[in-house]
Amino acid sequence: MVVVRDGMVRASGGVVVRTRGSEPQILLVHRPRYDDWTIPKGKLDPGETDEECALREVEEETGQACTLGAELPSVSYVDRRGRPKLVRYWLMDPTPPIIEADTFEANDEADLIRWVNLIEARSLLSYARDVEVLFGRMSDT
């Protein structure tokens, strides 16, 4: 069942950030269904809060448990089925153990993950709206 609030399909996700040396790295997922690279996210389950959804979806797609940080800008767009959609995002800190690309186990939603720096993220992300979420916040840090 799709959760709709205020006439919009609702989803949540997270920008998972770790530091390697002095450089932040972002966790991205490849979804074979769409052949895209994106920030992990997904639709709310009935009765679930946006925050609960964000944590659940990141862990389901990446295998990485996280803690919630600051909320990032939301994104609104029309989904592939022509429905208005609102996605809320949070910064997230990965909780050890850290899932690496070579230890990641593919699942129904994602077949690959990559930890990438900001320059790599900008070129790898498939959607301009994901770049805006990432750089709208990350450029301030």
C-alpha atoms as a PDB file:
ATOM      1  CA  MET A   1       0.000   0.000   0.000  1.00  0.00           C
ATOM      2  CA  VAL A   2       1.305   3.443  -0.949  1.00  0.00           C
ATOM      3  CA  VAL A   3       1.128   6.059   1.809  1.00  0.00           C
ATOM      4  CA  VAL A   4      -0.345   9.323   0.520  1.00  0.00           C
ATOM      5  CA  ARG A   5      -0.447  12.475   2.658  1.00  0.00           C
ATOM      6  CA  ASP A   6      -1.624  15.869   1.459  1.00  0.00           C
ATOM      7  CA  GLY A   7      -2.189  14.357  -1.991  1.00  0.00           C
ATOM      8  CA  MET A   8       1.420  13.222  -2.388  1.00  0.00           C
ATOM      9  CA  VAL A   9       3.112   9.817  -2.344  1.00  0.00           C
ATOM     10  CA  ARG A  10       5.467   9.935   0.633  1.00  0.00           C
ATOM     11  CA  ALA A  11       9.015   8.607   0.782  1.00  0.00           C
ATOM     12  CA  SER A  12      12.141   9.131   2.896  1.00  0.00           C
ATOM     13  CA  GLY A  13      15.840   8.447   2.578  1.00  0.00           C
ATOM     14  CA  GLY A  14      19.280   9.257   3.812  1.00  0.00           C
ATOM     15  CA  VAL A  15      22.589  10.737   2.779  1.00  0.00           C
ATOM     16  CA  VAL A  16      24.976   8.389   4.555  1.00  0.00           C
ATOM     17  CA  VAL A  17      28.333  10.081   5.133  1.00  0.00           C
ATOM     18  CA  ARG A  18      31.631   8.706   6.393  1.00  0.00           C
ATOM     19  CA  THR A  19      35.063  10.342   6.420  1.00  0.00           C
ATOM     20  CA  ARG A  20      38.123   8.810   4.798  1.00  0.00           C
ATOM     21  CA  GLY A  21      41.194  10.906   5.530  1.00  0.00           C
ATOM     22  CA  SER A  22      39.935  14.467   5.358  1.00  0.00           C
ATOM     23  CA  GLU A  23      37.349  13.768   2.671  1.00  0.00           C
ATOM     24  CA  PRO A  24      33.682  12.868   3.158  1.00  0.00           C
ATOM     25  CA  GLN A  25      32.338   9.874   1.271  1.00  0.00           C
ATOM     26  CA  ILE A  26      28.688   9.347   0.397  1.00  0.00           C
ATOM     27  CA  LEU A  27      26.954   5.968   0.105  1.00  0.00           C
ATOM     28  CA  LEU A  28      25.068   5.547  -3.189  1.00  0.00           C
ATOM     29  CA  VAL A  29      23.019   2.625  -4.518  1.00  0.00           C
ATOM     30  CA  HIS A  30      22.537   1.201  -7.989  1.00  0.00           C
ATOM     31  CA  ARG A  31      19.001   0.025  -8.680  1.00  0.00           C
ATOM     32  CA  PRO A  32      18.904  -2.551 -11.487  1.00  0.00           C
ATOM     33  CA  ARG A  33      15.158  -2.054 -11.998  1.00  0.00           C
ATOM     34  CA  TYR A  34      15.829   1.499 -13.219  1.00  0.00           C
ATOM     35  CA  ASP A  35      19.563   1.136 -14.045  1.00  0.00           C
ATOM     36  CA  ASP A  36      20.276   4.265 -12.007  1.00  0.00           C
ATOM     37  CA  TRP A  37      22.543   5.496  -9.209  1.00  0.00           C
ATOM     38  CA  THR A  38      20.732   7.297  -6.429  1.00  0.00           C
ATOM     39  CA  ILE A  39      20.579   8.198  -2.759  1.00  0.00           C
ATOM     40  CA  PRO A  40      18.926   5.338  -0.830  1.00  0.00           C
ATOM     41  CA  LYS A  41      15.241   6.035  -0.232  1.00  0.00           C
ATOM     42  CA  GLY A  42      11.813   4.435  -0.385  1.00  0.00           C
ATOM     43  CA  LYS A  43       8.117   4.784   0.282  1.00  0.00           C
ATOM     44  CA  LEU A  44       6.597   4.922   3.746  1.00  0.00           C
ATOM     45  CA  ASP A  45       4.821   1.887   5.154  1.00  0.00           C
ATOM     46  CA  PRO A  46       1.395   2.496   6.731  1.00  0.00           C
ATOM     47  CA  GLY A  47       1.774   3.878  10.271  1.00  0.00           C
ATOM     48  CA  GLU A  48       5.475   4.608   9.814  1.00  0.00           C
ATOM     49  CA  THR A  49       7.034   8.028  10.469  1.00  0.00           C
ATOM     50  CA  ASP A  50       9.212   9.697   7.860  1.00  0.00           C
ATOM     51  CA  GLU A  51      12.248   9.205  10.106  1.00  0.00           C
ATOM     52  CA  GLU A  52      11.522   5.488  10.666  1.00  0.00           C
ATOM     53  CA  CYS A  53      11.101   5.040   6.919  1.00  0.00           C
ATOM     54  CA  ALA A  54      14.401   6.766   6.158  1.00  0.00           C
ATOM     55  CA  LEU A  55      16.354   4.519   8.534  1.00  0.00           C
ATOM     56  CA  ARG A  56      14.559   1.353   7.369  1.00  0.00           C
ATOM     57  CA  GLU A  57      14.967   2.082   3.665  1.00  0.00           C
ATOM     58  CA  VAL A  58      18.674   2.892   3.951  1.00  0.00           C
ATOM     59  CA  GLU A  59      19.305  -0.338   5.848  1.00  0.00           C
ATOM     60  CA  GLU A  60      17.134  -2.434   3.483  1.00  0.00           C
ATOM     61  CA  GLU A  61      18.818  -1.091   0.369  1.00  0.00           C
ATOM     62  CA  THR A  62      22.427  -0.924   1.595  1.00  0.00           C
ATOM     63  CA  GLY A  63      22.655  -3.289   4.568  1.00  0.00           C
ATOM     64  CA  GLN A  64      24.046  -0.327   6.523  1.00  0.00           C
ATOM     65  CA  ALA A  65      22.480   0.540   9.896  1.00  0.00           C
ATOM     66  CA  CYS A  66      22.656   4.274  10.644  1.00  0.00           C
ATOM     67  CA  THR A  67      21.788   6.978  13.110  1.00  0.00           C
ATOM     68  CA  LEU A  68      19.726   9.961  12.049  1.00  0.00           C
ATOM     69  CA  GLY A  69      21.282  13.404  11.784  1.00  0.00           C
ATOM     70  CA  ALA A  70      20.012  16.745  10.532  1.00  0.00           C
ATOM     71  CA  GLU A  71      17.171  16.912   8.072  1.00  0.00           C
ATOM     72  CA  LEU A  72      18.128  17.924   4.535  1.00  0.00           C
ATOM     73  CA  PRO A  73      15.965  19.687   1.946  1.00  0.00           C
ATOM     74  CA  SER A  74      12.969  17.701   0.708  1.00  0.00           C
ATOM     75  CA  VAL A  75      12.325  17.024  -2.961  1.00  0.00           C
ATOM     76  CA  SER A  76       8.989  17.060  -4.775  1.00  0.00           C
ATOM     77  CA  TYR A  77       8.465  15.643  -8.248  1.00  0.00           C
ATOM     78  CA  VAL A  78       6.092  13.579 -10.362  1.00  0.00           C
ATOM     79  CA  ASP A  79       6.944   9.877 -10.192  1.00  0.00           C
ATOM     80  CA  ARG A  80       7.026   7.412 -13.096  1.00  0.00           C
ATOM     81  CA  ARG A  81       3.300   6.717 -12.626  1.00  0.00           C
ATOM     82  CA  GLY A  82       2.377  10.395 -12.884  1.00  0.00           C
ATOM     83  CA  ARG A  83       1.767  10.840  -9.140  1.00  0.00           C
ATOM     84  CA  PRO A  84       3.090  13.790  -7.127  1.00  0.00           C
ATOM     85  CA  LYS A  85       5.768  12.566  -4.717  1.00  0.00           C
ATOM     86  CA  LEU A  86       7.510  14.104  -1.717  1.00  0.00           C
ATOM     87  CA  VAL A  87      10.817  12.669  -0.471  1.00  0.00           C
ATOM     88  CA  ARG A  88      12.325  13.782   2.839  1.00  0.00           C
ATOM     89  CA  TYR A  89      16.040  13.213   3.480  1.00  0.00           C
ATOM     90  CA  TRP A  90      18.328  13.184   6.515  1.00  0.00           C
ATOM     91  CA  LEU A  91      22.057  13.132   6.988  1.00  0.00           C
ATOM     92  CA  MET A  92      23.012   9.768   8.469  1.00  0.00           C
ATOM     93  CA  ASP A  93      26.034   8.398  10.265  1.00  0.00           C
ATOM     94  CA  PRO A  94      26.826   4.735   9.543  1.00  0.00           C
ATOM     95  CA  THR A  95      26.834   2.476  12.583  1.00  0.00           C
ATOM     96  CA  PRO A  96      29.672  -0.065  12.713  1.00  0.00           C
ATOM     97  CA  PRO A  97      30.255  -2.421  11.114  1.00  0.00           C
ATOM     98  CA  ILE A  98      30.582  -0.352   7.954  1.00  0.00           C
ATOM     99  CA  ILE A  99      29.297  -2.122   4.853  1.00  0.00           C
ATOM    100  CA  GLU A 100      31.809  -1.959   2.002  1.00  0.00           C
ATOM    101  CA  ALA A 101      31.094  -2.485  -1.692  1.00  0.00           C
ATOM    102  CA  ASP A 102      32.872  -5.857  -1.636  1.00  0.00           C
ATOM    103  CA  THR A 103      30.883  -7.122   1.392  1.00  0.00           C
ATOM    104  CA  PHE A 104      27.514  -5.775   0.225  1.00  0.00           C
ATOM    105  CA  GLU A 105      24.876  -8.399  -0.536  1.00  0.00           C
ATOM    106  CA  ALA A 106      22.604  -7.539  -3.466  1.00  0.00           C
ATOM    107  CA  ASN A 107      18.891  -7.434  -2.684  1.00  0.00           C
ATOM    108  CA  ASP A 108      15.572  -6.861  -4.448  1.00  0.00           C
ATOM    109  CA  GLU A 109      16.129  -3.104  -4.676  1.00  0.00           C
ATOM    110  CA  ALA A 110      19.881  -2.576  -5.057  1.00  0.00           C
ATOM    111  CA  ASP A 111      22.536  -4.695  -6.719  1.00  0.00           C
ATOM    112  CA  LEU A 112      25.564  -2.461  -6.006  1.00  0.00           C
ATOM    113  CA  ILE A 113      26.674   0.188  -3.525  1.00  0.00           C
ATOM    114  CA  ARG A 114      29.550   2.630  -3.754  1.00  0.00           C
ATOM    115  CA  TRP A 115      31.196   4.958  -1.272  1.00  0.00           C
ATOM    116  CA  VAL A 116      32.178   7.988  -3.362  1.00  0.00           C
ATOM    117  CA  ASN A 117      33.625  11.426  -2.753  1.00  0.00           C
ATOM    118  CA  LEU A 118      31.619  14.520  -3.649  1.00  0.00           C
ATOM    119  CA  ILE A 119      33.101  14.897  -7.131  1.00  0.00           C
ATOM    120  CA  GLU A 120      32.356  11.243  -7.933  1.00  0.00           C
ATOM    121  CA  ALA A 121      28.846  11.582  -6.495  1.00  0.00           C
ATOM    122  CA  ARG A 122      28.058  14.545  -8.734  1.00  0.00           C
ATOM    123  CA  SER A 123      29.061  12.602 -11.864  1.00  0.00           C
ATOM    124  CA  LEU A 124      27.581   9.239 -10.806  1.00  0.00           C
ATOM    125  CA  LEU A 125      24.115  10.308  -9.604  1.00  0.00           C
ATOM    126  CA  SER A 126      21.441   9.759 -12.248  1.00  0.00           C
ATOM    127  CA  TYR A 127      19.057  12.540 -11.162  1.00  0.00           C
ATOM    128  CA  ALA A 128      19.597  16.281 -10.830  1.00  0.00           C
ATOM    129  CA  ARG A 129      17.276  16.291  -7.800  1.00  0.00           C
ATOM    130  CA  ASP A 130      19.714  13.975  -5.952  1.00  0.00           C
ATOM    131  CA  VAL A 131      22.626  16.280  -6.796  1.00  0.00           C
ATOM    132  CA  GLU A 132      20.606  19.214  -5.417  1.00  0.00           C
ATOM    133  CA  VAL A 133      19.909  17.368  -2.151  1.00  0.00           C
ATOM    134  CA  LEU A 134      23.559  16.466  -1.753  1.00  0.00           C
ATOM    135  CA  PHE A 135      25.150  19.756  -2.724  1.00  0.00           C
ATOM    136  CA  GLY A 136      22.483  21.942  -1.182  1.00  0.00           C
ATOM    137  CA  ARG A 137      23.705  20.668   2.208  1.00  0.00           C
ATOM    138  CA  MET A 138      27.195  19.317   1.656  1.00  0.00           C
ATOM    139  CA  SER A 139      28.521  22.526   0.104  1.00  0.00           C
ATOM    140  CA  ASP A 140      27.903  24.208   3.482  1.00  0.00           C
ATOM    141  CA  THR A 141      30.273  21.834   5.306  1.00  0.00           C
END
